[in-house]
Amino acid sequence: MPDHSDIPRPPHRFVRLAETDRPSVALSIDGAPASALAGDTLLVALLQHGRRVRDSEFGDGTRAGFCLMGACQDCWVWTPSGVRLRACSTPVEAGMAVLTRPPAQHWPVSADLRDSLARHAPGVPA
């Protein structure tokens, strides 16, 4: 994955205020190292490390989860092998790797997705 460390980033969505004494768990998000606490869901981990859970593959918007109970289809993320996971109900596991965009081999990139990636993630190959 390309290095995007030079892209300015707004503040994260979630800030942990309590339960800070749980053990830390290492994972990767889009190839970048990240951490969460034992018992966190992927949704919590993703929103603690950024402002979105994923990009919509059917339009130009970013998604951040909606129902928080596994019913709305808004928080799907992928493993590098293409397995889809619901971020709101999947617990973080040590060594887990997640992608916020479908892996290249998963779906053909539509014109809408290519345009969205160009606008929201410059430099990321579509």
C-alpha atoms as a PDB file:
ATOM      1  CA  MET A   1       0.000   0.000   0.000  1.00  0.00           C
ATOM      2  CA  PRO A   2       1.279   3.509  -0.717  1.00  0.00           C
ATOM      3  CA  ASP A   3       2.414   5.764   2.098  1.00  0.00           C
ATOM      4  CA  HIS A   4      -0.225   8.434   2.794  1.00  0.00           C
ATOM      5  CA  SER A   5       1.493   9.985   5.819  1.00  0.00           C
ATOM      6  CA  ASP A   6       1.759  13.355   4.056  1.00  0.00           C
ATOM      7  CA  ILE A   7      -2.030  13.700   3.567  1.00  0.00           C
ATOM      8  CA  PRO A   8      -3.548  16.014   6.221  1.00  0.00           C
ATOM      9  CA  ARG A   9      -6.044  14.132   8.360  1.00  0.00           C
ATOM     10  CA  PRO A  10      -8.902  15.532  10.459  1.00  0.00           C
ATOM     11  CA  PRO A  11      -9.306  14.379  14.073  1.00  0.00           C
ATOM     12  CA  HIS A  12     -10.478  10.837  14.723  1.00  0.00           C
ATOM     13  CA  ARG A  13     -14.186  10.087  15.279  1.00  0.00           C
ATOM     14  CA  PHE A  14     -13.860   8.164  18.553  1.00  0.00           C
ATOM     15  CA  VAL A  15     -11.767   9.089  21.554  1.00  0.00           C
ATOM     16  CA  ARG A  16     -11.574   6.523  24.349  1.00  0.00           C
ATOM     17  CA  LEU A  17     -12.675   7.968  27.681  1.00  0.00           C
ATOM     18  CA  ALA A  18     -13.066   4.817  29.785  1.00  0.00           C
ATOM     19  CA  GLU A  19     -11.993   1.169  29.953  1.00  0.00           C
ATOM     20  CA  THR A  20      -8.411   2.090  29.168  1.00  0.00           C
ATOM     21  CA  ASP A  21      -6.987  -0.733  31.295  1.00  0.00           C
ATOM     22  CA  ARG A  22      -7.751  -3.560  28.820  1.00  0.00           C
ATOM     23  CA  PRO A  23      -4.763  -5.147  27.032  1.00  0.00           C
ATOM     24  CA  SER A  24      -3.690  -3.646  23.713  1.00  0.00           C
ATOM     25  CA  VAL A  25      -4.143  -5.665  20.507  1.00  0.00           C
ATOM     26  CA  ALA A  26      -2.065  -5.012  17.364  1.00  0.00           C
ATOM     27  CA  LEU A  27      -3.710  -5.121  13.936  1.00  0.00           C
ATOM     28  CA  SER A  28      -3.313  -3.440  10.565  1.00  0.00           C
ATOM     29  CA  ILE A  29      -5.759  -1.147   8.778  1.00  0.00           C
ATOM     30  CA  ASP A  30      -5.120  -0.720   5.049  1.00  0.00           C
ATOM     31  CA  GLY A  31      -1.578  -1.983   5.608  1.00  0.00           C
ATOM     32  CA  ALA A  32      -0.776   0.552   8.354  1.00  0.00           C
ATOM     33  CA  PRO A  33      -0.092  -0.589  11.909  1.00  0.00           C
ATOM     34  CA  ALA A  34      -2.912   0.125  14.345  1.00  0.00           C
ATOM     35  CA  SER A  35      -3.973  -0.911  17.807  1.00  0.00           C
ATOM     36  CA  ALA A  36      -7.176  -1.514  19.687  1.00  0.00           C
ATOM     37  CA  LEU A  37      -8.051  -2.836  23.100  1.00  0.00           C
ATOM     38  CA  ALA A  38      -9.102  -6.415  23.775  1.00  0.00           C
ATOM     39  CA  GLY A  39     -12.886  -6.622  23.422  1.00  0.00           C
ATOM     40  CA  ASP A  40     -13.163  -3.757  20.907  1.00  0.00           C
ATOM     41  CA  THR A  41     -15.029  -4.293  17.662  1.00  0.00           C
ATOM     42  CA  LEU A  42     -13.460  -3.436  14.325  1.00  0.00           C
ATOM     43  CA  LEU A  43     -15.806  -0.427  14.137  1.00  0.00           C
ATOM     44  CA  VAL A  44     -14.304   1.030  17.307  1.00  0.00           C
ATOM     45  CA  ALA A  45     -10.758   0.345  16.090  1.00  0.00           C
ATOM     46  CA  LEU A  46     -11.417   1.903  12.668  1.00  0.00           C
ATOM     47  CA  LEU A  47     -13.062   5.042  14.048  1.00  0.00           C
ATOM     48  CA  GLN A  48     -10.333   5.476  16.657  1.00  0.00           C
ATOM     49  CA  HIS A  49      -7.804   5.560  13.816  1.00  0.00           C
ATOM     50  CA  GLY A  50      -9.733   7.730  11.387  1.00  0.00           C
ATOM     51  CA  ARG A  51     -13.011   9.354  10.423  1.00  0.00           C
ATOM     52  CA  ARG A  52     -14.509   6.621   8.266  1.00  0.00           C
ATOM     53  CA  VAL A  53     -15.018   2.892   8.270  1.00  0.00           C
ATOM     54  CA  ARG A  54     -14.897   2.503   4.494  1.00  0.00           C
ATOM     55  CA  ASP A  55     -15.683   4.091   1.140  1.00  0.00           C
ATOM     56  CA  SER A  56     -18.971   3.249  -0.516  1.00  0.00           C
ATOM     57  CA  GLU A  57     -18.404   0.989  -3.485  1.00  0.00           C
ATOM     58  CA  PHE A  58     -21.704   2.171  -4.991  1.00  0.00           C
ATOM     59  CA  GLY A  59     -21.319   5.937  -4.762  1.00  0.00           C
ATOM     60  CA  ASP A  60     -18.986   8.720  -3.808  1.00  0.00           C
ATOM     61  CA  GLY A  61     -19.441   8.849  -0.034  1.00  0.00           C
ATOM     62  CA  THR A  62     -17.491   7.579   2.898  1.00  0.00           C
ATOM     63  CA  ARG A  63     -19.283   5.362   5.378  1.00  0.00           C
ATOM     64  CA  ALA A  64     -18.950   5.312   9.171  1.00  0.00           C
ATOM     65  CA  GLY A  65     -21.442   2.681  10.263  1.00  0.00           C
ATOM     66  CA  PHE A  66     -25.084   3.411  10.951  1.00  0.00           C
ATOM     67  CA  CYS A  67     -27.090   0.962  13.029  1.00  0.00           C
ATOM     68  CA  LEU A  68     -24.202  -0.424  15.165  1.00  0.00           C
ATOM     69  CA  MET A  69     -25.982  -3.804  15.449  1.00  0.00           C
ATOM     70  CA  GLY A  70     -25.311  -5.650  12.196  1.00  0.00           C
ATOM     71  CA  ALA A  71     -28.489  -4.834  10.293  1.00  0.00           C
ATOM     72  CA  CYS A  72     -27.767  -1.916   7.944  1.00  0.00           C
ATOM     73  CA  GLN A  73     -24.926  -3.195   5.704  1.00  0.00           C
ATOM     74  CA  ASP A  74     -23.033   0.082   6.201  1.00  0.00           C
ATOM     75  CA  CYS A  75     -19.873  -1.176   7.921  1.00  0.00           C
ATOM     76  CA  TRP A  76     -18.582  -3.989   5.698  1.00  0.00           C
ATOM     77  CA  VAL A  77     -14.777  -4.168   5.507  1.00  0.00           C
ATOM     78  CA  TRP A  78     -12.548  -6.793   3.910  1.00  0.00           C
ATOM     79  CA  THR A  79      -9.602  -8.991   4.728  1.00  0.00           C
ATOM     80  CA  PRO A  80      -6.741  -8.944   2.199  1.00  0.00           C
ATOM     81  CA  SER A  81      -8.037 -12.275   0.849  1.00  0.00           C
ATOM     82  CA  GLY A  82     -11.457 -10.721   0.123  1.00  0.00           C
ATOM     83  CA  VAL A  83     -13.487 -12.038   3.067  1.00  0.00           C
ATOM     84  CA  ARG A  84     -16.095  -9.472   4.116  1.00  0.00           C
ATOM     85  CA  LEU A  85     -16.497  -8.630   7.804  1.00  0.00           C
ATOM     86  CA  ARG A  86     -19.102  -6.530   9.605  1.00  0.00           C
ATOM     87  CA  ALA A  87     -17.035  -4.000  11.517  1.00  0.00           C
ATOM     88  CA  CYS A  88     -19.774  -3.340  14.093  1.00  0.00           C
ATOM     89  CA  SER A  89     -20.002  -6.947  15.292  1.00  0.00           C
ATOM     90  CA  THR A  90     -16.562  -8.440  14.576  1.00  0.00           C
ATOM     91  CA  PRO A  91     -14.210  -8.439  17.571  1.00  0.00           C
ATOM     92  CA  VAL A  92     -10.633  -7.331  16.968  1.00  0.00           C
ATOM     93  CA  GLU A  93      -8.093 -10.159  17.052  1.00  0.00           C
ATOM     94  CA  ALA A  94      -4.326  -9.883  17.453  1.00  0.00           C
ATOM     95  CA  GLY A  95      -2.601  -9.786  14.074  1.00  0.00           C
ATOM     96  CA  MET A  96      -5.830  -9.090  12.173  1.00  0.00           C
ATOM     97  CA  ALA A  97      -5.515  -7.223   8.864  1.00  0.00           C
ATOM     98  CA  VAL A  98      -8.470  -5.296   7.446  1.00  0.00           C
ATOM     99  CA  LEU A  99      -9.012  -3.218   4.338  1.00  0.00           C
ATOM    100  CA  THR A 100     -11.478  -0.340   4.095  1.00  0.00           C
ATOM    101  CA  ARG A 101     -11.759  -0.807   0.321  1.00  0.00           C
ATOM    102  CA  PRO A 102     -12.355  -4.088  -1.483  1.00  0.00           C
ATOM    103  CA  PRO A 103      -9.151  -5.854  -2.520  1.00  0.00           C
ATOM    104  CA  ALA A 104      -8.315  -5.264  -6.179  1.00  0.00           C
ATOM    105  CA  GLN A 105      -9.179  -8.833  -7.141  1.00  0.00           C
ATOM    106  CA  HIS A 106     -12.544  -8.761  -5.317  1.00  0.00           C
ATOM    107  CA  TRP A 107     -14.714  -6.630  -7.626  1.00  0.00           C
ATOM    108  CA  PRO A 108     -13.983  -4.819 -10.822  1.00  0.00           C
ATOM    109  CA  VAL A 109     -13.516  -1.116 -10.161  1.00  0.00           C
ATOM    110  CA  SER A 110     -16.530   0.734 -11.523  1.00  0.00           C
ATOM    111  CA  ALA A 111     -16.277   4.255 -12.928  1.00  0.00           C
ATOM    112  CA  ASP A 112     -18.041   5.565  -9.790  1.00  0.00           C
ATOM    113  CA  LEU A 113     -15.599   3.822  -7.463  1.00  0.00           C
ATOM    114  CA  ARG A 114     -12.597   4.996  -9.523  1.00  0.00           C
ATOM    115  CA  ASP A 115     -13.901   8.594  -9.333  1.00  0.00           C
ATOM    116  CA  SER A 116     -14.532   8.272  -5.608  1.00  0.00           C
ATOM    117  CA  LEU A 117     -11.031   6.907  -4.992  1.00  0.00           C
ATOM    118  CA  ALA A 118      -9.540   9.753  -7.043  1.00  0.00           C
ATOM    119  CA  ARG A 119     -11.408  12.332  -4.928  1.00  0.00           C
ATOM    120  CA  HIS A 120     -11.061  10.776  -1.483  1.00  0.00           C
ATOM    121  CA  ALA A 121      -7.785   8.879  -1.669  1.00  0.00           C
ATOM    122  CA  PRO A 122      -5.479  10.541  -4.182  1.00  0.00           C
ATOM    123  CA  GLY A 123      -2.543   8.361  -5.072  1.00  0.00           C
ATOM    124  CA  VAL A 124      -4.317   5.089  -4.258  1.00  0.00           C
ATOM    125  CA  PRO A 125      -4.392   2.933  -7.395  1.00  0.00           C
ATOM    126  CA  ALA A 126      -7.928   2.158  -8.551  1.00  0.00           C
END
